[in-house]
Amino acid sequence: MTNRKKKRFIAGATCPNCKSFDSLMLFIENNVEQIACIKCDYNESQTDRDAAKASKNDTGVIGLFKP
C-alpha cells in the first residue's frame, strides 16, 4: 500500500520564486505544512508553532484552516 499525500492547490496564489500564478500546492508531511510550486523547485515548510505565531499577527488573517 502506498502512502499518498493529499495535495491542495492554493487558489489565486503566486509563487514567490518564479512568480507563476496558481501553481502553489499545500500538503502536510510529518505534521508539517509544506508549500511547493509545480512550475519550479520552490518549497517552504511551516511548523504548528510558526502557524500559531503567524495567526496572532494583525495581518488581516481571519484564521488557519486545519482539516
N, C-alpha and C. Protein backbone atom coordinates (compact mmCIF):
# COMPACT_ATOMS: atom_id res chain seq x y z
N MET A 1 0.84 -1.18 0.00
CA MET A 1 0.00 0.00 0.00
C MET A 1 0.89 1.25 0.00
N THR A 2 0.58 2.18 -0.89
CA THR A 2 1.38 3.40 -0.98
C THR A 2 0.83 4.46 -0.04
N ASN A 3 1.71 5.29 0.47
CA ASN A 3 1.33 6.37 1.35
C ASN A 3 1.26 7.65 0.54
N ARG A 4 0.04 8.06 0.17
CA ARG A 4 -0.12 9.24 -0.66
C ARG A 4 -0.39 10.47 0.20
N LYS A 5 0.15 11.60 -0.25
CA LYS A 5 -0.09 12.87 0.41
C LYS A 5 -1.28 13.54 -0.26
N LYS A 6 -2.20 14.08 0.55
CA LYS A 6 -3.32 14.83 0.00
C LYS A 6 -2.84 16.24 -0.30
N LYS A 7 -2.89 16.61 -1.57
CA LYS A 7 -2.37 17.91 -2.01
C LYS A 7 -3.54 18.78 -2.46
N ARG A 8 -3.47 20.06 -2.07
CA ARG A 8 -4.49 21.02 -2.45
C ARG A 8 -3.81 22.23 -3.08
N PHE A 9 -4.38 22.71 -4.17
CA PHE A 9 -3.85 23.92 -4.78
C PHE A 9 -4.38 25.13 -4.04
N ILE A 10 -3.57 26.17 -3.97
CA ILE A 10 -3.92 27.41 -3.29
C ILE A 10 -4.39 28.38 -4.36
N ALA A 11 -5.71 28.61 -4.40
CA ALA A 11 -6.31 29.44 -5.45
C ALA A 11 -5.83 30.88 -5.34
N GLY A 12 -5.41 31.42 -6.46
CA GLY A 12 -5.00 32.82 -6.52
C GLY A 12 -3.62 33.12 -5.98
N ALA A 13 -2.88 32.10 -5.59
CA ALA A 13 -1.54 32.31 -5.02
C ALA A 13 -0.50 32.43 -6.13
N THR A 14 0.52 33.22 -5.85
CA THR A 14 1.63 33.41 -6.77
C THR A 14 2.91 32.90 -6.12
N CYS A 15 3.69 32.13 -6.86
CA CYS A 15 4.94 31.59 -6.34
C CYS A 15 5.93 32.73 -6.08
N PRO A 16 6.51 32.80 -4.88
CA PRO A 16 7.47 33.86 -4.60
C PRO A 16 8.77 33.73 -5.38
N ASN A 17 9.05 32.55 -5.91
CA ASN A 17 10.29 32.31 -6.64
C ASN A 17 10.15 32.63 -8.13
N CYS A 18 9.21 31.93 -8.80
CA CYS A 18 9.09 32.10 -10.25
C CYS A 18 7.94 33.01 -10.67
N LYS A 19 7.16 33.51 -9.70
CA LYS A 19 6.04 34.42 -9.93
C LYS A 19 4.92 33.81 -10.77
N SER A 20 4.88 32.48 -10.84
CA SER A 20 3.83 31.79 -11.58
C SER A 20 2.53 31.83 -10.79
N PHE A 21 1.41 32.10 -11.47
CA PHE A 21 0.11 32.24 -10.85
C PHE A 21 -0.60 30.88 -10.77
N ASP A 22 -1.24 30.58 -9.66
CA ASP A 22 -1.99 29.33 -9.43
C ASP A 22 -1.12 28.08 -9.59
N SER A 23 0.10 28.12 -9.09
CA SER A 23 0.98 26.96 -9.21
C SER A 23 1.42 26.40 -7.86
N LEU A 24 0.93 26.99 -6.75
CA LEU A 24 1.32 26.52 -5.42
C LEU A 24 0.35 25.49 -4.89
N MET A 25 0.91 24.45 -4.28
CA MET A 25 0.07 23.44 -3.64
C MET A 25 0.47 23.30 -2.18
N LEU A 26 -0.48 22.92 -1.35
CA LEU A 26 -0.29 22.76 0.08
C LEU A 26 -0.51 21.30 0.43
N PHE A 27 0.39 20.74 1.25
CA PHE A 27 0.21 19.39 1.75
C PHE A 27 0.89 19.27 3.11
N ILE A 28 0.53 18.24 3.86
CA ILE A 28 1.10 18.03 5.18
C ILE A 28 1.96 16.77 5.14
N GLU A 29 3.19 16.90 5.62
CA GLU A 29 4.14 15.80 5.65
C GLU A 29 4.80 15.78 7.02
N ASN A 30 4.65 14.67 7.74
CA ASN A 30 5.20 14.54 9.10
C ASN A 30 4.72 15.66 10.02
N ASN A 31 3.42 15.97 9.95
CA ASN A 31 2.77 17.01 10.76
C ASN A 31 3.34 18.40 10.53
N VAL A 32 3.90 18.64 9.36
CA VAL A 32 4.43 19.95 9.00
C VAL A 32 3.78 20.37 7.68
N GLU A 33 3.20 21.59 7.67
CA GLU A 33 2.61 22.09 6.43
C GLU A 33 3.72 22.42 5.44
N GLN A 34 3.55 21.95 4.23
CA GLN A 34 4.52 22.20 3.15
C GLN A 34 3.81 22.92 2.01
N ILE A 35 4.50 23.86 1.41
CA ILE A 35 4.01 24.54 0.21
C ILE A 35 5.05 24.30 -0.87
N ALA A 36 4.59 23.90 -2.04
CA ALA A 36 5.51 23.65 -3.15
C ALA A 36 4.92 24.20 -4.45
N CYS A 37 5.79 24.63 -5.33
CA CYS A 37 5.40 25.12 -6.64
C CYS A 37 5.56 24.00 -7.67
N ILE A 38 4.57 23.84 -8.53
CA ILE A 38 4.66 22.79 -9.55
C ILE A 38 5.45 23.24 -10.78
N LYS A 39 5.74 24.54 -10.87
CA LYS A 39 6.48 25.07 -12.01
C LYS A 39 7.99 25.15 -11.79
N CYS A 40 8.40 25.35 -10.53
CA CYS A 40 9.83 25.47 -10.22
C CYS A 40 10.14 24.63 -8.99
N ASP A 41 11.30 24.71 -8.46
CA ASP A 41 11.70 23.90 -7.30
C ASP A 41 11.44 24.58 -5.96
N TYR A 42 10.60 25.60 -5.92
CA TYR A 42 10.34 26.30 -4.66
C TYR A 42 9.61 25.38 -3.68
N ASN A 43 10.05 25.41 -2.42
CA ASN A 43 9.44 24.60 -1.37
C ASN A 43 9.59 25.37 -0.06
N GLU A 44 8.53 25.38 0.73
CA GLU A 44 8.55 26.08 2.02
C GLU A 44 7.78 25.23 3.03
N SER A 45 8.22 25.23 4.28
CA SER A 45 7.52 24.48 5.32
C SER A 45 7.21 25.38 6.50
N GLN A 46 6.18 24.99 7.26
CA GLN A 46 5.77 25.76 8.41
C GLN A 46 5.32 24.80 9.51
N THR A 47 5.93 24.92 10.66
CA THR A 47 5.56 24.07 11.79
C THR A 47 4.32 24.64 12.47
N ASP A 48 3.68 23.87 13.35
CA ASP A 48 2.50 24.33 14.08
C ASP A 48 2.80 25.58 14.88
N ARG A 49 4.00 25.66 15.48
CA ARG A 49 4.37 26.82 16.28
C ARG A 49 4.46 28.06 15.39
N ASP A 50 5.04 27.92 14.20
CA ASP A 50 5.12 29.04 13.27
C ASP A 50 3.73 29.46 12.80
N ALA A 51 2.85 28.48 12.57
CA ALA A 51 1.49 28.79 12.12
C ALA A 51 0.72 29.52 13.20
N ALA A 52 0.85 29.09 14.45
CA ALA A 52 0.16 29.75 15.56
C ALA A 52 0.68 31.18 15.72
N LYS A 53 1.97 31.36 15.58
CA LYS A 53 2.57 32.69 15.70
C LYS A 53 2.07 33.61 14.58
N ALA A 54 1.98 33.09 13.37
CA ALA A 54 1.52 33.88 12.23
C ALA A 54 0.05 34.25 12.37
N SER A 55 -0.76 33.39 12.95
CA SER A 55 -2.18 33.67 13.07
C SER A 55 -2.46 34.74 14.12
N LYS A 56 -1.53 34.99 15.03
CA LYS A 56 -1.72 36.00 16.07
C LYS A 56 -1.32 37.40 15.60
N ASN A 57 -0.65 37.50 14.47
CA ASN A 57 -0.26 38.81 13.95
C ASN A 57 -1.48 39.55 13.45
N ASP A 58 -1.44 40.84 13.46
CA ASP A 58 -2.54 41.66 12.97
C ASP A 58 -2.35 41.90 11.47
N THR A 59 -2.49 40.85 10.68
CA THR A 59 -2.27 40.95 9.23
C THR A 59 -3.55 40.80 8.44
N GLY A 60 -4.70 40.76 9.14
CA GLY A 60 -5.96 40.59 8.44
C GLY A 60 -6.31 39.15 8.21
N VAL A 61 -5.55 38.22 8.73
CA VAL A 61 -5.85 36.81 8.59
C VAL A 61 -6.94 36.46 9.58
N ILE A 62 -8.02 35.87 9.11
CA ILE A 62 -9.12 35.51 9.98
C ILE A 62 -8.77 34.26 10.79
N GLY A 63 -8.20 33.27 10.13
CA GLY A 63 -7.85 32.04 10.82
C GLY A 63 -7.15 31.09 9.88
N LEU A 64 -6.66 30.01 10.44
CA LEU A 64 -5.99 28.97 9.67
C LEU A 64 -6.90 27.77 9.56
N PHE A 65 -7.04 27.23 8.37
CA PHE A 65 -7.87 26.05 8.14
C PHE A 65 -7.05 24.81 8.40
N LYS A 66 -7.52 23.99 9.33
CA LYS A 66 -6.87 22.73 9.65
C LYS A 66 -7.87 21.61 9.45
N PRO A 67 -7.77 20.85 8.38
CA PRO A 67 -8.73 19.78 8.11
C PRO A 67 -8.67 18.66 9.14
